[in-house]
Amino acid sequence: MTTTDPLALDAQVCFSLYSGERAVGAAYRELLAPLGLTYPQYLVMLALWEDDDQPVSALGRRLGLDSGTLSPLLKRLESAGRLTRSRSDDDERVVRVQLTGSGAALRADAVTIPTELASRMRLTAAEATELHRLLGKICGRDA
C-alpha cells in the first residue's frame, strides 16, 4: 500500500519493526522449544558459547540486561543444568557464570537455528546482512 499520509499505520517504521519483532519472536519460540530454551535464555547461551566463564556483570552488559532481569534467567538455566554460578576465588563479591557440559553440548543442537531463521524470514544473504547493518545503526552499534 502506497500512501502520502505521514500518519498512515503502514507507513510507520515503528510498526514495521514491531510487526517484524513479533514474527521473528514467534519463529524463535518454535525453533527453541526443542532445546528447552526461551529467547532470552538463548541469548544468554549465545553469549556464554562465545565467551564462557564470565562475571554476571559482564554478561549483563553484553546483553543489555539489568541484574533483576538476568538473575532469574540464570537461575532457570542453572536449574536446567545448563550453567553454574559461583563466587570468584579472587573477589567473593563477583559471581561468575560457567557452562556445564550439558550447556556446552547444547551448542551443537543450536547451530542450525540462524540458518533456519533466515530461511523462515525469506531474506537473501545480502538482505539479511543489510537488515543487520541497519538495525545495528538504529541501536547505535554502527561503525
N, C-alpha and C. Protein backbone atom coordinates (compact mmCIF):
# COMPACT_ATOMS: atom_id res chain seq x y z
N MET A 1 0.84 -1.19 0.00
CA MET A 1 0.00 0.00 0.00
C MET A 1 0.88 1.24 0.00
N THR A 2 0.69 2.10 -0.97
CA THR A 2 1.43 3.34 -1.05
C THR A 2 0.51 4.46 -0.61
N THR A 3 1.03 5.31 0.26
CA THR A 3 0.21 6.40 0.76
C THR A 3 1.09 7.64 0.94
N THR A 4 0.48 8.79 0.86
CA THR A 4 1.20 10.03 1.12
C THR A 4 0.90 10.54 2.53
N ASP A 5 0.04 9.85 3.24
CA ASP A 5 -0.31 10.24 4.61
C ASP A 5 0.84 9.87 5.55
N PRO A 6 1.51 10.86 6.15
CA PRO A 6 2.64 10.54 7.01
C PRO A 6 2.24 9.80 8.29
N LEU A 7 0.95 9.78 8.60
CA LEU A 7 0.50 9.08 9.80
C LEU A 7 -0.22 7.77 9.49
N ALA A 8 -0.13 7.32 8.26
CA ALA A 8 -0.72 6.02 7.92
C ALA A 8 0.06 4.93 8.65
N LEU A 9 -0.65 4.00 9.26
CA LEU A 9 -0.02 2.94 10.04
C LEU A 9 1.03 2.19 9.23
N ASP A 10 0.69 1.81 8.02
CA ASP A 10 1.61 1.03 7.20
C ASP A 10 2.83 1.83 6.73
N ALA A 11 2.82 3.14 6.93
CA ALA A 11 3.96 3.98 6.56
C ALA A 11 4.95 4.15 7.71
N GLN A 12 4.61 3.61 8.87
CA GLN A 12 5.43 3.82 10.07
C GLN A 12 6.54 2.78 10.19
N VAL A 13 7.78 3.24 10.31
CA VAL A 13 8.91 2.35 10.54
C VAL A 13 8.70 1.59 11.86
N CYS A 14 8.19 2.28 12.86
CA CYS A 14 7.99 1.64 14.17
C CYS A 14 7.02 0.46 14.07
N PHE A 15 6.00 0.58 13.24
CA PHE A 15 5.05 -0.51 13.10
C PHE A 15 5.69 -1.69 12.38
N SER A 16 6.51 -1.40 11.38
CA SER A 16 7.21 -2.49 10.69
C SER A 16 8.18 -3.19 11.64
N LEU A 17 8.89 -2.43 12.46
CA LEU A 17 9.80 -3.04 13.45
C LEU A 17 9.02 -3.88 14.45
N TYR A 18 7.91 -3.36 14.93
CA TYR A 18 7.07 -4.08 15.90
C TYR A 18 6.54 -5.37 15.29
N SER A 19 6.02 -5.28 14.08
CA SER A 19 5.47 -6.47 13.41
C SER A 19 6.58 -7.48 13.13
N GLY A 20 7.73 -6.99 12.71
CA GLY A 20 8.87 -7.86 12.44
C GLY A 20 9.36 -8.56 13.70
N GLU A 21 9.41 -7.83 14.80
CA GLU A 21 9.84 -8.41 16.08
C GLU A 21 8.90 -9.53 16.50
N ARG A 22 7.62 -9.33 16.31
CA ARG A 22 6.64 -10.37 16.66
C ARG A 22 6.81 -11.60 15.79
N ALA A 23 7.04 -11.40 14.50
CA ALA A 23 7.22 -12.53 13.58
C ALA A 23 8.50 -13.29 13.90
N VAL A 24 9.57 -12.57 14.16
CA VAL A 24 10.85 -13.21 14.49
C VAL A 24 10.73 -13.92 15.84
N GLY A 25 10.08 -13.29 16.80
CA GLY A 25 9.88 -13.91 18.11
C GLY A 25 9.11 -15.21 18.02
N ALA A 26 8.08 -15.24 17.19
CA ALA A 26 7.29 -16.47 17.02
C ALA A 26 8.13 -17.57 16.38
N ALA A 27 8.95 -17.19 15.41
CA ALA A 27 9.82 -18.18 14.76
C ALA A 27 10.84 -18.73 15.77
N TYR A 28 11.42 -17.85 16.57
CA TYR A 28 12.38 -18.31 17.58
C TYR A 28 11.72 -19.23 18.60
N ARG A 29 10.51 -18.90 19.04
CA ARG A 29 9.82 -19.78 20.01
C ARG A 29 9.71 -21.20 19.46
N GLU A 30 9.34 -21.30 18.21
CA GLU A 30 9.19 -22.62 17.58
C GLU A 30 10.54 -23.33 17.44
N LEU A 31 11.57 -22.60 17.06
CA LEU A 31 12.89 -23.20 16.88
C LEU A 31 13.56 -23.57 18.20
N LEU A 32 13.30 -22.80 19.25
CA LEU A 32 13.96 -23.02 20.53
C LEU A 32 13.24 -24.02 21.43
N ALA A 33 11.97 -24.26 21.17
CA ALA A 33 11.20 -25.19 22.02
C ALA A 33 11.87 -26.56 22.14
N PRO A 34 12.36 -27.16 21.06
CA PRO A 34 13.00 -28.47 21.21
C PRO A 34 14.25 -28.44 22.09
N LEU A 35 14.87 -27.26 22.22
CA LEU A 35 16.06 -27.12 23.06
C LEU A 35 15.71 -26.80 24.51
N GLY A 36 14.44 -26.54 24.75
CA GLY A 36 14.01 -26.18 26.10
C GLY A 36 14.47 -24.79 26.51
N LEU A 37 14.59 -23.90 25.54
CA LEU A 37 15.06 -22.54 25.82
C LEU A 37 14.02 -21.51 25.40
N THR A 38 13.94 -20.43 26.18
CA THR A 38 13.21 -19.26 25.75
C THR A 38 14.19 -18.37 24.97
N TYR A 39 13.68 -17.36 24.31
CA TYR A 39 14.57 -16.48 23.56
C TYR A 39 15.58 -15.78 24.47
N PRO A 40 15.16 -15.19 25.61
CA PRO A 40 16.17 -14.57 26.48
C PRO A 40 17.21 -15.58 27.00
N GLN A 41 16.80 -16.81 27.27
CA GLN A 41 17.75 -17.83 27.69
C GLN A 41 18.72 -18.16 26.55
N TYR A 42 18.22 -18.18 25.34
CA TYR A 42 19.05 -18.42 24.16
C TYR A 42 20.12 -17.34 24.04
N LEU A 43 19.75 -16.08 24.29
CA LEU A 43 20.72 -15.00 24.24
C LEU A 43 21.83 -15.21 25.26
N VAL A 44 21.46 -15.63 26.47
CA VAL A 44 22.46 -15.93 27.50
C VAL A 44 23.39 -17.03 27.02
N MET A 45 22.81 -18.09 26.46
CA MET A 45 23.62 -19.21 25.99
C MET A 45 24.54 -18.77 24.84
N LEU A 46 24.04 -17.94 23.92
CA LEU A 46 24.88 -17.44 22.84
C LEU A 46 26.10 -16.70 23.40
N ALA A 47 25.85 -15.84 24.38
CA ALA A 47 26.95 -15.07 24.98
C ALA A 47 27.95 -15.99 25.66
N LEU A 48 27.47 -17.03 26.32
CA LEU A 48 28.37 -17.96 27.00
C LEU A 48 29.08 -18.89 26.02
N TRP A 49 28.42 -19.29 24.94
CA TRP A 49 29.11 -20.09 23.92
C TRP A 49 30.24 -19.29 23.29
N GLU A 50 30.05 -17.98 23.22
CA GLU A 50 31.07 -17.10 22.66
C GLU A 50 32.20 -16.85 23.66
N ASP A 51 31.85 -16.70 24.92
CA ASP A 51 32.83 -16.35 25.95
C ASP A 51 32.38 -16.95 27.28
N ASP A 52 32.78 -18.18 27.54
CA ASP A 52 32.39 -18.89 28.75
C ASP A 52 33.15 -18.34 29.96
N ASP A 53 32.61 -18.63 31.14
CA ASP A 53 33.23 -18.28 32.42
C ASP A 53 33.47 -16.78 32.52
N GLN A 54 32.38 -16.06 32.65
CA GLN A 54 32.48 -14.61 32.76
C GLN A 54 31.66 -14.11 33.95
N PRO A 55 32.00 -12.94 34.46
CA PRO A 55 31.23 -12.38 35.57
C PRO A 55 29.80 -12.05 35.13
N VAL A 56 28.87 -12.18 36.05
CA VAL A 56 27.47 -11.84 35.77
C VAL A 56 27.37 -10.40 35.27
N SER A 57 28.15 -9.52 35.86
CA SER A 57 28.09 -8.10 35.45
C SER A 57 28.48 -7.93 33.99
N ALA A 58 29.51 -8.65 33.53
CA ALA A 58 29.93 -8.55 32.13
C ALA A 58 28.86 -9.13 31.21
N LEU A 59 28.26 -10.23 31.63
CA LEU A 59 27.20 -10.85 30.84
C LEU A 59 26.01 -9.89 30.71
N GLY A 60 25.66 -9.25 31.81
CA GLY A 60 24.57 -8.27 31.78
C GLY A 60 24.85 -7.12 30.84
N ARG A 61 26.09 -6.61 30.88
CA ARG A 61 26.45 -5.52 29.96
C ARG A 61 26.37 -5.97 28.51
N ARG A 62 26.88 -7.16 28.25
CA ARG A 62 26.89 -7.70 26.87
C ARG A 62 25.47 -7.84 26.32
N LEU A 63 24.55 -8.27 27.17
CA LEU A 63 23.17 -8.50 26.74
C LEU A 63 22.27 -7.28 26.93
N GLY A 64 22.76 -6.26 27.61
CA GLY A 64 21.94 -5.09 27.88
C GLY A 64 20.83 -5.38 28.88
N LEU A 65 21.11 -6.27 29.84
CA LEU A 65 20.11 -6.66 30.84
C LEU A 65 20.57 -6.26 32.22
N ASP A 66 19.64 -5.77 33.05
CA ASP A 66 19.99 -5.46 34.43
C ASP A 66 19.92 -6.74 35.26
N SER A 67 20.44 -6.67 36.47
CA SER A 67 20.53 -7.87 37.31
C SER A 67 19.14 -8.41 37.67
N GLY A 68 18.15 -7.54 37.77
CA GLY A 68 16.80 -8.00 38.08
C GLY A 68 16.19 -8.85 36.99
N THR A 69 16.61 -8.65 35.76
CA THR A 69 16.16 -9.45 34.63
C THR A 69 17.07 -10.66 34.42
N LEU A 70 18.37 -10.44 34.56
CA LEU A 70 19.34 -11.50 34.27
C LEU A 70 19.35 -12.59 35.34
N SER A 71 19.25 -12.23 36.60
CA SER A 71 19.33 -13.23 37.68
C SER A 71 18.30 -14.35 37.56
N PRO A 72 17.02 -14.04 37.31
CA PRO A 72 16.06 -15.15 37.14
C PRO A 72 16.36 -16.02 35.93
N LEU A 73 16.87 -15.43 34.85
CA LEU A 73 17.25 -16.22 33.67
C LEU A 73 18.36 -17.19 34.03
N LEU A 74 19.36 -16.70 34.73
CA LEU A 74 20.48 -17.55 35.12
C LEU A 74 20.03 -18.64 36.08
N LYS A 75 19.14 -18.29 36.99
CA LYS A 75 18.63 -19.27 37.95
C LYS A 75 17.92 -20.41 37.23
N ARG A 76 17.08 -20.08 36.24
CA ARG A 76 16.36 -21.12 35.49
C ARG A 76 17.31 -21.97 34.66
N LEU A 77 18.30 -21.34 34.05
CA LEU A 77 19.28 -22.11 33.28
C LEU A 77 20.14 -22.99 34.19
N GLU A 78 20.41 -22.51 35.38
CA GLU A 78 21.17 -23.33 36.34
C GLU A 78 20.32 -24.51 36.80
N SER A 79 19.05 -24.28 37.07
CA SER A 79 18.14 -25.37 37.47
C SER A 79 18.01 -26.42 36.37
N ALA A 80 18.11 -25.98 35.13
CA ALA A 80 18.02 -26.90 33.99
C ALA A 80 19.35 -27.60 33.72
N GLY A 81 20.38 -27.27 34.48
CA GLY A 81 21.67 -27.92 34.32
C GLY A 81 22.51 -27.38 33.18
N ARG A 82 22.19 -26.18 32.68
CA ARG A 82 22.91 -25.60 31.53
C ARG A 82 24.13 -24.79 31.94
N LEU A 83 24.11 -24.26 33.17
CA LEU A 83 25.22 -23.44 33.63
C LEU A 83 25.33 -23.52 35.15
N THR A 84 26.45 -23.01 35.65
CA THR A 84 26.63 -22.89 37.09
C THR A 84 27.04 -21.45 37.39
N ARG A 85 26.72 -21.04 38.59
CA ARG A 85 27.17 -19.73 39.09
C ARG A 85 28.03 -20.00 40.32
N SER A 86 29.12 -19.28 40.42
CA SER A 86 29.98 -19.45 41.59
C SER A 86 30.70 -18.15 41.90
N ARG A 87 31.06 -18.01 43.15
CA ARG A 87 31.81 -16.83 43.59
C ARG A 87 33.24 -16.93 43.06
N SER A 88 33.78 -15.80 42.66
CA SER A 88 35.15 -15.75 42.18
C SER A 88 36.11 -16.03 43.33
N ASP A 89 37.18 -16.76 43.05
CA ASP A 89 38.21 -17.01 44.06
C ASP A 89 38.94 -15.72 44.41
N ASP A 90 39.07 -14.82 43.43
CA ASP A 90 39.81 -13.58 43.63
C ASP A 90 39.01 -12.53 44.40
N ASP A 91 37.70 -12.50 44.18
CA ASP A 91 36.85 -11.48 44.80
C ASP A 91 35.46 -12.10 45.01
N GLU A 92 35.14 -12.41 46.25
CA GLU A 92 33.88 -13.12 46.52
C GLU A 92 32.64 -12.29 46.19
N ARG A 93 32.80 -11.01 45.94
CA ARG A 93 31.65 -10.18 45.53
C ARG A 93 31.26 -10.46 44.08
N VAL A 94 32.18 -11.04 43.32
CA VAL A 94 31.97 -11.29 41.90
C VAL A 94 31.42 -12.71 41.71
N VAL A 95 30.28 -12.79 41.03
CA VAL A 95 29.70 -14.09 40.68
C VAL A 95 30.03 -14.36 39.22
N ARG A 96 30.59 -15.53 38.97
CA ARG A 96 30.96 -15.93 37.62
C ARG A 96 29.97 -16.98 37.11
N VAL A 97 29.78 -16.98 35.81
CA VAL A 97 28.86 -17.92 35.16
C VAL A 97 29.67 -18.80 34.23
N GLN A 98 29.48 -20.12 34.37
CA GLN A 98 30.18 -21.09 33.53
C GLN A 98 29.17 -22.07 32.95
N LEU A 99 29.40 -22.47 31.71
CA LEU A 99 28.59 -23.51 31.09
C LEU A 99 28.89 -24.85 31.74
N THR A 100 27.88 -25.67 31.86
CA THR A 100 28.10 -27.07 32.24
C THR A 100 28.40 -27.85 30.95
N GLY A 101 28.73 -29.11 31.09
CA GLY A 101 28.91 -29.95 29.91
C GLY A 101 27.66 -29.98 29.07
N SER A 102 26.51 -30.08 29.73
CA SER A 102 25.22 -30.10 29.04
C SER A 102 24.97 -28.79 28.29
N GLY A 103 25.31 -27.68 28.95
CA GLY A 103 25.13 -26.38 28.31
C GLY A 103 26.03 -26.19 27.12
N ALA A 104 27.27 -26.63 27.24
CA ALA A 104 28.21 -26.53 26.12
C ALA A 104 27.77 -27.43 24.97
N ALA A 105 27.29 -28.63 25.30
CA ALA A 105 26.86 -29.58 24.27
C ALA A 105 25.62 -29.09 23.52
N LEU A 106 24.80 -28.28 24.17
CA LEU A 106 23.59 -27.76 23.55
C LEU A 106 23.90 -26.92 22.31
N ARG A 107 25.10 -26.37 22.27
CA ARG A 107 25.51 -25.55 21.13
C ARG A 107 25.38 -26.33 19.82
N ALA A 108 25.75 -27.59 19.84
CA ALA A 108 25.67 -28.41 18.62
C ALA A 108 24.23 -28.52 18.13
N ASP A 109 23.27 -28.55 19.05
CA ASP A 109 21.86 -28.62 18.66
C ASP A 109 21.34 -27.27 18.17
N ALA A 110 21.99 -26.19 18.59
CA ALA A 110 21.52 -24.84 18.24
C ALA A 110 22.18 -24.29 16.98
N VAL A 111 23.20 -24.95 16.48
CA VAL A 111 24.00 -24.38 15.41
C VAL A 111 23.19 -24.12 14.13
N THR A 112 22.11 -24.84 13.92
CA THR A 112 21.31 -24.63 12.70
C THR A 112 20.25 -23.54 12.85
N ILE A 113 20.06 -23.02 14.05
CA ILE A 113 18.98 -22.04 14.28
C ILE A 113 19.14 -20.79 13.42
N PRO A 114 20.32 -20.16 13.32
CA PRO A 114 20.40 -18.97 12.47
C PRO A 114 20.02 -19.23 11.01
N THR A 115 20.45 -20.35 10.47
CA THR A 115 20.11 -20.70 9.09
C THR A 115 18.62 -20.95 8.93
N GLU A 116 18.05 -21.68 9.88
CA GLU A 116 16.62 -21.96 9.82
C GLU A 116 15.80 -20.67 9.95
N LEU A 117 16.25 -19.76 10.82
CA LEU A 117 15.54 -18.50 10.98
C LEU A 117 15.62 -17.68 9.69
N ALA A 118 16.80 -17.61 9.09
CA ALA A 118 16.96 -16.86 7.84
C ALA A 118 16.04 -17.41 6.76
N SER A 119 15.92 -18.72 6.70
CA SER A 119 15.04 -19.34 5.72
C SER A 119 13.59 -18.95 5.96
N ARG A 120 13.19 -18.92 7.21
CA ARG A 120 11.80 -18.55 7.54
C ARG A 120 11.53 -17.08 7.26
N MET A 121 12.56 -16.24 7.35
CA MET A 121 12.37 -14.81 7.10
C MET A 121 12.32 -14.50 5.61
N ARG A 122 12.69 -15.48 4.77
CA ARG A 122 12.65 -15.34 3.32
C ARG A 122 13.50 -14.15 2.83
N LEU A 123 14.68 -13.99 3.45
CA LEU A 123 15.61 -12.95 3.03
C LEU A 123 16.82 -13.60 2.37
N THR A 124 17.34 -12.93 1.36
CA THR A 124 18.61 -13.40 0.80
C THR A 124 19.71 -13.08 1.81
N ALA A 125 20.88 -13.66 1.60
CA ALA A 125 22.01 -13.38 2.49
C ALA A 125 22.34 -11.89 2.47
N ALA A 126 22.28 -11.29 1.32
CA ALA A 126 22.58 -9.86 1.20
C ALA A 126 21.54 -9.02 1.94
N GLU A 127 20.26 -9.40 1.82
CA GLU A 127 19.20 -8.67 2.52
C GLU A 127 19.35 -8.82 4.03
N ALA A 128 19.67 -10.02 4.50
CA ALA A 128 19.86 -10.25 5.93
C ALA A 128 21.04 -9.43 6.46
N THR A 129 22.12 -9.36 5.68
CA THR A 129 23.28 -8.56 6.07
C THR A 129 22.92 -7.09 6.16
N GLU A 130 22.17 -6.61 5.18
CA GLU A 130 21.76 -5.20 5.18
C GLU A 130 20.80 -4.91 6.33
N LEU A 131 19.87 -5.80 6.60
CA LEU A 131 18.96 -5.62 7.72
C LEU A 131 19.74 -5.56 9.03
N HIS A 132 20.69 -6.46 9.20
CA HIS A 132 21.53 -6.48 10.40
C HIS A 132 22.28 -5.16 10.54
N ARG A 133 22.83 -4.67 9.44
CA ARG A 133 23.56 -3.39 9.46
C ARG A 133 22.65 -2.24 9.85
N LEU A 134 21.47 -2.19 9.26
CA LEU A 134 20.53 -1.10 9.55
C LEU A 134 20.03 -1.15 11.00
N LEU A 135 19.74 -2.34 11.49
CA LEU A 135 19.30 -2.45 12.88
C LEU A 135 20.43 -2.07 13.84
N GLY A 136 21.66 -2.45 13.49
CA GLY A 136 22.81 -2.01 14.30
C GLY A 136 22.92 -0.49 14.34
N LYS A 137 22.65 0.13 13.20
CA LYS A 137 22.69 1.60 13.13
C LYS A 137 21.61 2.21 14.03
N ILE A 138 20.41 1.64 13.97
CA ILE A 138 19.31 2.12 14.81
C ILE A 138 19.67 2.00 16.29
N CYS A 139 20.34 0.90 16.63
CA CYS A 139 20.69 0.61 18.03
C CYS A 139 21.99 1.27 18.46
N GLY A 140 22.61 2.05 17.57
CA GLY A 140 23.83 2.76 17.91
C GLY A 140 25.08 1.90 17.87
N ARG A 141 25.02 0.79 17.12
CA ARG A 141 26.18 -0.09 17.02
C ARG A 141 26.86 0.02 15.66
N ASP A 142 26.56 1.07 14.91
CA ASP A 142 27.19 1.21 13.60
C ASP A 142 28.63 1.70 13.78
N ALA A 143 29.45 1.30 12.86
CA ALA A 143 30.89 1.65 12.96
C ALA A 143 31.15 3.03 12.39
